[in-house]
Amino acid sequence: MTTYECKTCGKLAREEGHLCDPQKVKEVYTCEHCERTVTKKKHVCKPVLAKTNFFCGGCGRVAVEKEEICTPEPIE
C-alpha cells in the first residue's frame, strides 16, 4: 500500500488528500522503541534519547548500542 508524508509537518497518511503537502514514501518502519510509524529507520524519539549511551565520533549520530554506529564514543 502506498504511504504519503507531509513535507511540512511530517505526518503520514495512506491518501495524499489528507495532507497539505504530500510526497510519496517508498518505505515506512515501525520504531521498536516508541512503536510509531516513521519514514526513517534511524529515527530518534524520547525512548531512544532516554536510553542513549553512545554517539558517533564521526557524524554525531546517537545510539543505544555501540554496534549501531561506526565510531562509538560513550556519553558521560
PDB file of N, CA and C in Angstrom:
ATOM      1  N   MET A   1       0.842  -1.181   0.000  1.00  0.00           N
ATOM      2  CA  MET A   1       0.000   0.000   0.000  1.00  0.00           C
ATOM      3  C   MET A   1       0.886   1.243   0.000  1.00  0.00           C
ATOM      4  N   THR A   2       0.479   2.247  -0.727  1.00  0.00           N
ATOM      5  CA  THR A   2       1.218   3.492  -0.829  1.00  0.00           C
ATOM      6  C   THR A   2       1.015   4.330   0.425  1.00  0.00           C
ATOM      7  N   THR A   3       2.081   4.956   0.880  1.00  0.00           N
ATOM      8  CA  THR A   3       2.026   5.846   2.028  1.00  0.00           C
ATOM      9  C   THR A   3       2.551   7.208   1.600  1.00  0.00           C
ATOM     10  N   TYR A   4       1.967   8.254   2.160  1.00  0.00           N
ATOM     11  CA  TYR A   4       2.387   9.620   1.870  1.00  0.00           C
ATOM     12  C   TYR A   4       2.822  10.306   3.157  1.00  0.00           C
ATOM     13  N   GLU A   5       3.797  11.221   3.015  1.00  0.00           N
ATOM     14  CA  GLU A   5       4.275  12.008   4.148  1.00  0.00           C
ATOM     15  C   GLU A   5       4.138  13.484   3.793  1.00  0.00           C
ATOM     16  N   CYS A   6       3.687  14.290   4.740  1.00  0.00           N
ATOM     17  CA  CYS A   6       3.570  15.722   4.522  1.00  0.00           C
ATOM     18  C   CYS A   6       4.953  16.354   4.619  1.00  0.00           C
ATOM     19  N   LYS A   7       5.357  17.100   3.598  1.00  0.00           N
ATOM     20  CA  LYS A   7       6.666  17.771   3.609  1.00  0.00           C
ATOM     21  C   LYS A   7       6.731  18.851   4.681  1.00  0.00           C
ATOM     22  N   THR A   8       5.574  19.401   5.054  1.00  0.00           N
ATOM     23  CA  THR A   8       5.527  20.495   6.019  1.00  0.00           C
ATOM     24  C   THR A   8       5.612  20.018   7.464  1.00  0.00           C
ATOM     25  N   CYS A   9       4.754  19.065   7.839  1.00  0.00           N
ATOM     26  CA  CYS A   9       4.680  18.659   9.254  1.00  0.00           C
ATOM     27  C   CYS A   9       5.180  17.248   9.537  1.00  0.00           C
ATOM     28  N   GLY A  10       5.397  16.436   8.495  1.00  0.00           N
ATOM     29  CA  GLY A  10       5.915  15.090   8.700  1.00  0.00           C
ATOM     30  C   GLY A  10       4.881  14.026   9.003  1.00  0.00           C
ATOM     31  N   LYS A  11       3.593  14.368   9.020  1.00  0.00           N
ATOM     32  CA  LYS A  11       2.545  13.377   9.296  1.00  0.00           C
ATOM     33  C   LYS A  11       2.438  12.390   8.138  1.00  0.00           C
ATOM     34  N   LEU A  12       2.019  11.175   8.450  1.00  0.00           N
ATOM     35  CA  LEU A  12       1.852  10.129   7.457  1.00  0.00           C
ATOM     36  C   LEU A  12       0.375   9.865   7.207  1.00  0.00           C
ATOM     37  N   ALA A  13       0.042   9.488   5.966  1.00  0.00           N
ATOM     38  CA  ALA A  13      -1.332   9.131   5.611  1.00  0.00           C
ATOM     39  C   ALA A  13      -1.305   8.172   4.433  1.00  0.00           C
ATOM     40  N   ARG A  14      -2.363   7.401   4.283  1.00  0.00           N
ATOM     41  CA  ARG A  14      -2.455   6.460   3.161  1.00  0.00           C
ATOM     42  C   ARG A  14      -3.028   7.117   1.917  1.00  0.00           C
ATOM     43  N   GLU A  15      -3.627   8.297   2.077  1.00  0.00           N
ATOM     44  CA  GLU A  15      -4.183   9.040   0.945  1.00  0.00           C
ATOM     45  C   GLU A  15      -3.589  10.440   0.956  1.00  0.00           C
ATOM     46  N   GLU A  16      -3.137  10.909  -0.202  1.00  0.00           N
ATOM     47  CA  GLU A  16      -2.480  12.204  -0.256  1.00  0.00           C
ATOM     48  C   GLU A  16      -3.418  13.379   0.005  1.00  0.00           C
ATOM     49  N   GLY A  17      -4.720  13.199  -0.171  1.00  0.00           N
ATOM     50  CA  GLY A  17      -5.685  14.263   0.065  1.00  0.00           C
ATOM     51  C   GLY A  17      -5.801  14.678   1.520  1.00  0.00           C
ATOM     52  N   HIS A  18      -5.262  13.879   2.434  1.00  0.00           N
ATOM     53  CA  HIS A  18      -5.349  14.179   3.862  1.00  0.00           C
ATOM     54  C   HIS A  18      -4.169  15.019   4.357  1.00  0.00           C
ATOM     55  N   LEU A  19      -3.250  15.377   3.465  1.00  0.00           N
ATOM     56  CA  LEU A  19      -2.053  16.123   3.848  1.00  0.00           C
ATOM     57  C   LEU A  19      -1.967  17.424   3.064  1.00  0.00           C
ATOM     58  N   CYS A  20      -1.352  18.453   3.663  1.00  0.00           N
ATOM     59  CA  CYS A  20      -1.269  19.747   2.986  1.00  0.00           C
ATOM     60  C   CYS A  20      -0.197  19.770   1.899  1.00  0.00           C
ATOM     61  N   ASP A  21       0.885  19.014   2.046  1.00  0.00           N
ATOM     62  CA  ASP A  21       1.964  18.994   1.050  1.00  0.00           C
ATOM     63  C   ASP A  21       2.510  17.565   0.943  1.00  0.00           C
ATOM     64  N   PRO A  22       1.732  16.644   0.331  1.00  0.00           N
ATOM     65  CA  PRO A  22       2.105  15.225   0.332  1.00  0.00           C
ATOM     66  C   PRO A  22       3.237  14.867  -0.613  1.00  0.00           C
ATOM     67  N   GLN A  23       4.011  13.872  -0.214  1.00  0.00           N
ATOM     68  CA  GLN A  23       5.012  13.253  -1.085  1.00  0.00           C
ATOM     69  C   GLN A  23       4.970  11.757  -0.842  1.00  0.00           C
ATOM     70  N   LYS A  24       5.167  10.974  -1.891  1.00  0.00           N
ATOM     71  CA  LYS A  24       5.139   9.513  -1.773  1.00  0.00           C
ATOM     72  C   LYS A  24       6.343   9.024  -0.981  1.00  0.00           C
ATOM     73  N   VAL A  25       6.115   8.042  -0.133  1.00  0.00           N
ATOM     74  CA  VAL A  25       7.180   7.443   0.663  1.00  0.00           C
ATOM     75  C   VAL A  25       7.356   6.006   0.190  1.00  0.00           C
ATOM     76  N   LYS A  26       8.602   5.608  -0.060  1.00  0.00           N
ATOM     77  CA  LYS A  26       8.852   4.248  -0.547  1.00  0.00           C
ATOM     78  C   LYS A  26       8.692   3.212   0.559  1.00  0.00           C
ATOM     79  N   GLU A  27       9.244   3.496   1.732  1.00  0.00           N
ATOM     80  CA  GLU A  27       9.166   2.530   2.825  1.00  0.00           C
ATOM     81  C   GLU A  27       8.810   3.239   4.125  1.00  0.00           C
ATOM     82  N   VAL A  28       8.080   2.555   4.975  1.00  0.00           N
ATOM     83  CA  VAL A  28       7.799   3.035   6.321  1.00  0.00           C
ATOM     84  C   VAL A  28       8.229   1.955   7.306  1.00  0.00           C
ATOM     85  N   TYR A  29       8.568   2.379   8.499  1.00  0.00           N
ATOM     86  CA  TYR A  29       9.065   1.465   9.527  1.00  0.00           C
ATOM     87  C   TYR A  29       8.282   1.679  10.813  1.00  0.00           C
ATOM     88  N   THR A  30       8.280   0.695  11.665  1.00  0.00           N
ATOM     89  CA  THR A  30       7.715   0.837  12.996  1.00  0.00           C
ATOM     90  C   THR A  30       8.884   0.884  13.970  1.00  0.00           C
ATOM     91  N   CYS A  31       8.978   1.969  14.721  1.00  0.00           N
ATOM     92  CA  CYS A  31      10.070   2.135  15.681  1.00  0.00           C
ATOM     93  C   CYS A  31       9.922   1.099  16.784  1.00  0.00           C
ATOM     94  N   GLU A  32      10.985   0.382  17.071  1.00  0.00           N
ATOM     95  CA  GLU A  32      10.938  -0.647  18.120  1.00  0.00           C
ATOM     96  C   GLU A  32      10.910  -0.047  19.524  1.00  0.00           C
ATOM     97  N   HIS A  33      11.196   1.236  19.645  1.00  0.00           N
ATOM     98  CA  HIS A  33      11.222   1.880  20.957  1.00  0.00           C
ATOM     99  C   HIS A  33       9.919   2.599  21.301  1.00  0.00           C
ATOM    100  N   CYS A  34       9.317   3.306  20.307  1.00  0.00           N
ATOM    101  CA  CYS A  34       8.088   4.062  20.579  1.00  0.00           C
ATOM    102  C   CYS A  34       6.888   3.528  19.805  1.00  0.00           C
ATOM    103  N   GLU A  35       7.108   2.583  18.906  1.00  0.00           N
ATOM    104  CA  GLU A  35       6.080   1.921  18.103  1.00  0.00           C
ATOM    105  C   GLU A  35       5.348   2.859  17.138  1.00  0.00           C
ATOM    106  N   ARG A  36       5.912   4.048  16.863  1.00  0.00           N
ATOM    107  CA  ARG A  36       5.334   4.946  15.860  1.00  0.00           C
ATOM    108  C   ARG A  36       5.720   4.485  14.473  1.00  0.00           C
ATOM    109  N   THR A  37       4.902   4.798  13.496  1.00  0.00           N
ATOM    110  CA  THR A  37       5.240   4.552  12.101  1.00  0.00           C
ATOM    111  C   THR A  37       6.062   5.741  11.633  1.00  0.00           C
ATOM    112  N   VAL A  38       7.267   5.468  11.124  1.00  0.00           N
ATOM    113  CA  VAL A  38       8.192   6.522  10.718  1.00  0.00           C
ATOM    114  C   VAL A  38       8.760   6.219   9.337  1.00  0.00           C
ATOM    115  N   THR A  39       9.302   7.246   8.688  1.00  0.00           N
ATOM    116  CA  THR A  39       9.878   7.053   7.356  1.00  0.00           C
ATOM    117  C   THR A  39      11.384   6.849   7.397  1.00  0.00           C
ATOM    118  N   LYS A  40      12.013   7.149   8.519  1.00  0.00           N
ATOM    119  CA  LYS A  40      13.456   6.972   8.643  1.00  0.00           C
ATOM    120  C   LYS A  40      13.737   5.862   9.648  1.00  0.00           C
ATOM    121  N   LYS A  41      14.503   4.877   9.218  1.00  0.00           N
ATOM    122  CA  LYS A  41      14.795   3.741  10.090  1.00  0.00           C
ATOM    123  C   LYS A  41      15.582   4.179  11.331  1.00  0.00           C
ATOM    124  N   LYS A  42      16.427   5.175  11.192  1.00  0.00           N
ATOM    125  CA  LYS A  42      17.253   5.664  12.299  1.00  0.00           C
ATOM    126  C   LYS A  42      16.625   6.889  12.954  1.00  0.00           C
ATOM    127  N   HIS A  43      15.354   6.823  13.300  1.00  0.00           N
ATOM    128  CA  HIS A  43      14.670   7.967  13.896  1.00  0.00           C
ATOM    129  C   HIS A  43      14.981   8.038  15.389  1.00  0.00           C
ATOM    130  N   VAL A  44      15.032   9.258  15.937  1.00  0.00           N
ATOM    131  CA  VAL A  44      15.342   9.469  17.354  1.00  0.00           C
ATOM    132  C   VAL A  44      14.082   9.966  18.041  1.00  0.00           C
ATOM    133  N   CYS A  45      13.620   9.184  19.032  1.00  0.00           N
ATOM    134  CA  CYS A  45      12.417   9.521  19.786  1.00  0.00           C
ATOM    135  C   CYS A  45      12.766   9.629  21.272  1.00  0.00           C
ATOM    136  N   LYS A  46      11.823  10.028  22.095  1.00  0.00           N
ATOM    137  CA  LYS A  46      12.077  10.174  23.529  1.00  0.00           C
ATOM    138  C   LYS A  46      12.589   8.891  24.175  1.00  0.00           C
ATOM    139  N   PRO A  47      11.997   7.710  23.894  1.00  0.00           N
ATOM    140  CA  PRO A  47      12.532   6.492  24.496  1.00  0.00           C
ATOM    141  C   PRO A  47      13.981   6.208  24.088  1.00  0.00           C
ATOM    142  N   VAL A  48      14.337   6.516  22.842  1.00  0.00           N
ATOM    143  CA  VAL A  48      15.724   6.319  22.405  1.00  0.00           C
ATOM    144  C   VAL A  48      16.642   7.295  23.139  1.00  0.00           C
ATOM    145  N   LEU A  49      16.222   8.549  23.234  1.00  0.00           N
ATOM    146  CA  LEU A  49      17.050   9.540  23.942  1.00  0.00           C
ATOM    147  C   LEU A  49      17.270   9.164  25.402  1.00  0.00           C
ATOM    148  N   ALA A  50      16.247   8.602  26.039  1.00  0.00           N
ATOM    149  CA  ALA A  50      16.373   8.200  27.437  1.00  0.00           C
ATOM    150  C   ALA A  50      17.375   7.063  27.611  1.00  0.00           C
ATOM    151  N   LYS A  51      17.513   6.217  26.574  1.00  0.00           N
ATOM    152  CA  LYS A  51      18.413   5.060  26.646  1.00  0.00           C
ATOM    153  C   LYS A  51      19.743   5.297  25.938  1.00  0.00           C
ATOM    154  N   THR A  52      19.945   6.473  25.352  1.00  0.00           N
ATOM    155  CA  THR A  52      21.140   6.744  24.565  1.00  0.00           C
ATOM    156  C   THR A  52      22.390   6.678  25.436  1.00  0.00           C
ATOM    157  N   ASN A  53      23.328   5.840  25.003  1.00  0.00           N
ATOM    158  CA  ASN A  53      24.581   5.660  25.727  1.00  0.00           C
ATOM    159  C   ASN A  53      25.803   6.052  24.909  1.00  0.00           C
ATOM    160  N   PHE A  54      25.642   6.180  23.582  1.00  0.00           N
ATOM    161  CA  PHE A  54      26.780   6.410  22.702  1.00  0.00           C
ATOM    162  C   PHE A  54      26.457   7.460  21.649  1.00  0.00           C
ATOM    163  N   PHE A  55      27.517   8.099  21.127  1.00  0.00           N
ATOM    164  CA  PHE A  55      27.392   8.953  19.959  1.00  0.00           C
ATOM    165  C   PHE A  55      28.529   8.602  19.019  1.00  0.00           C
ATOM    166  N   CYS A  56      28.349   8.880  17.741  1.00  0.00           N
ATOM    167  CA  CYS A  56      29.368   8.574  16.743  1.00  0.00           C
ATOM    168  C   CYS A  56      30.374   9.718  16.718  1.00  0.00           C
ATOM    169  N   GLY A  57      31.636   9.402  16.885  1.00  0.00           N
ATOM    170  CA  GLY A  57      32.696  10.399  16.841  1.00  0.00           C
ATOM    171  C   GLY A  57      32.879  10.986  15.451  1.00  0.00           C
ATOM    172  N   GLY A  58      32.342  10.316  14.428  1.00  0.00           N
ATOM    173  CA  GLY A  58      32.470  10.795  13.055  1.00  0.00           C
ATOM    174  C   GLY A  58      31.338  11.715  12.630  1.00  0.00           C
ATOM    175  N   CYS A  59      30.091  11.268  12.802  1.00  0.00           N
ATOM    176  CA  CYS A  59      28.961  12.046  12.287  1.00  0.00           C
ATOM    177  C   CYS A  59      28.086  12.657  13.378  1.00  0.00           C
ATOM    178  N   GLY A  60      28.226  12.218  14.632  1.00  0.00           N
ATOM    179  CA  GLY A  60      27.438  12.775  15.725  1.00  0.00           C
ATOM    180  C   GLY A  60      26.125  12.082  16.001  1.00  0.00           C
ATOM    181  N   ARG A  61      25.776  11.048  15.214  1.00  0.00           N
ATOM    182  CA  ARG A  61      24.529  10.310  15.432  1.00  0.00           C
ATOM    183  C   ARG A  61      24.564   9.653  16.811  1.00  0.00           C
ATOM    184  N   VAL A  62      23.415   9.580  17.484  1.00  0.00           N
ATOM    185  CA  VAL A  62      23.333   8.938  18.797  1.00  0.00           C
ATOM    186  C   VAL A  62      22.792   7.526  18.654  1.00  0.00           C
ATOM    187  N   ALA A  63      23.102   6.673  19.643  1.00  0.00           N
ATOM    188  CA  ALA A  63      22.656   5.281  19.587  1.00  0.00           C
ATOM    189  C   ALA A  63      22.533   4.705  20.983  1.00  0.00           C
ATOM    190  N   VAL A  64      21.681   3.697  21.091  1.00  0.00           N
ATOM    191  CA  VAL A  64      21.510   2.972  22.342  1.00  0.00           C
ATOM    192  C   VAL A  64      22.654   1.966  22.505  1.00  0.00           C
ATOM    193  N   GLU A  65      22.962   1.239  21.442  1.00  0.00           N
ATOM    194  CA  GLU A  65      24.026   0.239  21.444  1.00  0.00           C
ATOM    195  C   GLU A  65      25.191   0.702  20.580  1.00  0.00           C
ATOM    196  N   LYS A  66      26.422   0.417  20.973  1.00  0.00           N
ATOM    197  CA  LYS A  66      27.576   0.897  20.201  1.00  0.00           C
ATOM    198  C   LYS A  66      27.692   0.240  18.835  1.00  0.00           C
ATOM    199  N   GLU A  67      27.054  -0.911  18.641  1.00  0.00           N
ATOM    200  CA  GLU A  67      27.083  -1.591  17.351  1.00  0.00           C
ATOM    201  C   GLU A  67      26.247  -0.862  16.294  1.00  0.00           C
ATOM    202  N   GLU A  68      25.417   0.080  16.715  1.00  0.00           N
ATOM    203  CA  GLU A  68      24.530   0.797  15.797  1.00  0.00           C
ATOM    204  C   GLU A  68      25.208   1.958  15.080  1.00  0.00           C
ATOM    205  N   ILE A  69      26.434   2.318  15.472  1.00  0.00           N
ATOM    206  CA  ILE A  69      27.150   3.429  14.854  1.00  0.00           C
ATOM    207  C   ILE A  69      28.591   3.033  14.522  1.00  0.00           C
ATOM    208  N   CYS A  70      29.220   3.797  13.626  1.00  0.00           N
ATOM    209  CA  CYS A  70      30.538   3.399  13.121  1.00  0.00           C
ATOM    210  C   CYS A  70      31.705   3.733  14.062  1.00  0.00           C
ATOM    211  N   THR A  71      31.683   4.877  14.750  1.00  0.00           N
ATOM    212  CA  THR A  71      32.768   5.261  15.653  1.00  0.00           C
ATOM    213  C   THR A  71      32.175   5.584  17.020  1.00  0.00           C
ATOM    214  N   PRO A  72      31.812   4.545  17.793  1.00  0.00           N
ATOM    215  CA  PRO A  72      31.111   4.793  19.059  1.00  0.00           C
ATOM    216  C   PRO A  72      31.987   5.416  20.136  1.00  0.00           C
ATOM    217  N   GLU A  73      31.417   6.420  20.802  1.00  0.00           N
ATOM    218  CA  GLU A  73      32.061   7.051  21.954  1.00  0.00           C
ATOM    219  C   GLU A  73      31.010   7.134  23.042  1.00  0.00           C
ATOM    220  N   PRO A  74      31.375   6.829  24.292  1.00  0.00           N
ATOM    221  CA  PRO A  74      30.381   6.856  25.368  1.00  0.00           C
ATOM    222  C   PRO A  74      29.929   8.270  25.703  1.00  0.00           C
ATOM    223  N   ILE A  75      28.657   8.402  26.050  1.00  0.00           N
ATOM    224  CA  ILE A  75      28.128   9.669  26.553  1.00  0.00           C
ATOM    225  C   ILE A  75      28.228   9.589  28.067  1.00  0.00           C
ATOM    226  N   GLU A  76      28.883  10.559  28.633  1.00  0.00           N
ATOM    227  CA  GLU A  76      29.089  10.538  30.087  1.00  0.00           C
ATOM    228  C   GLU A  76      28.370  11.664  30.769  1.00  0.00           C
TER     229      GLU A  76
END
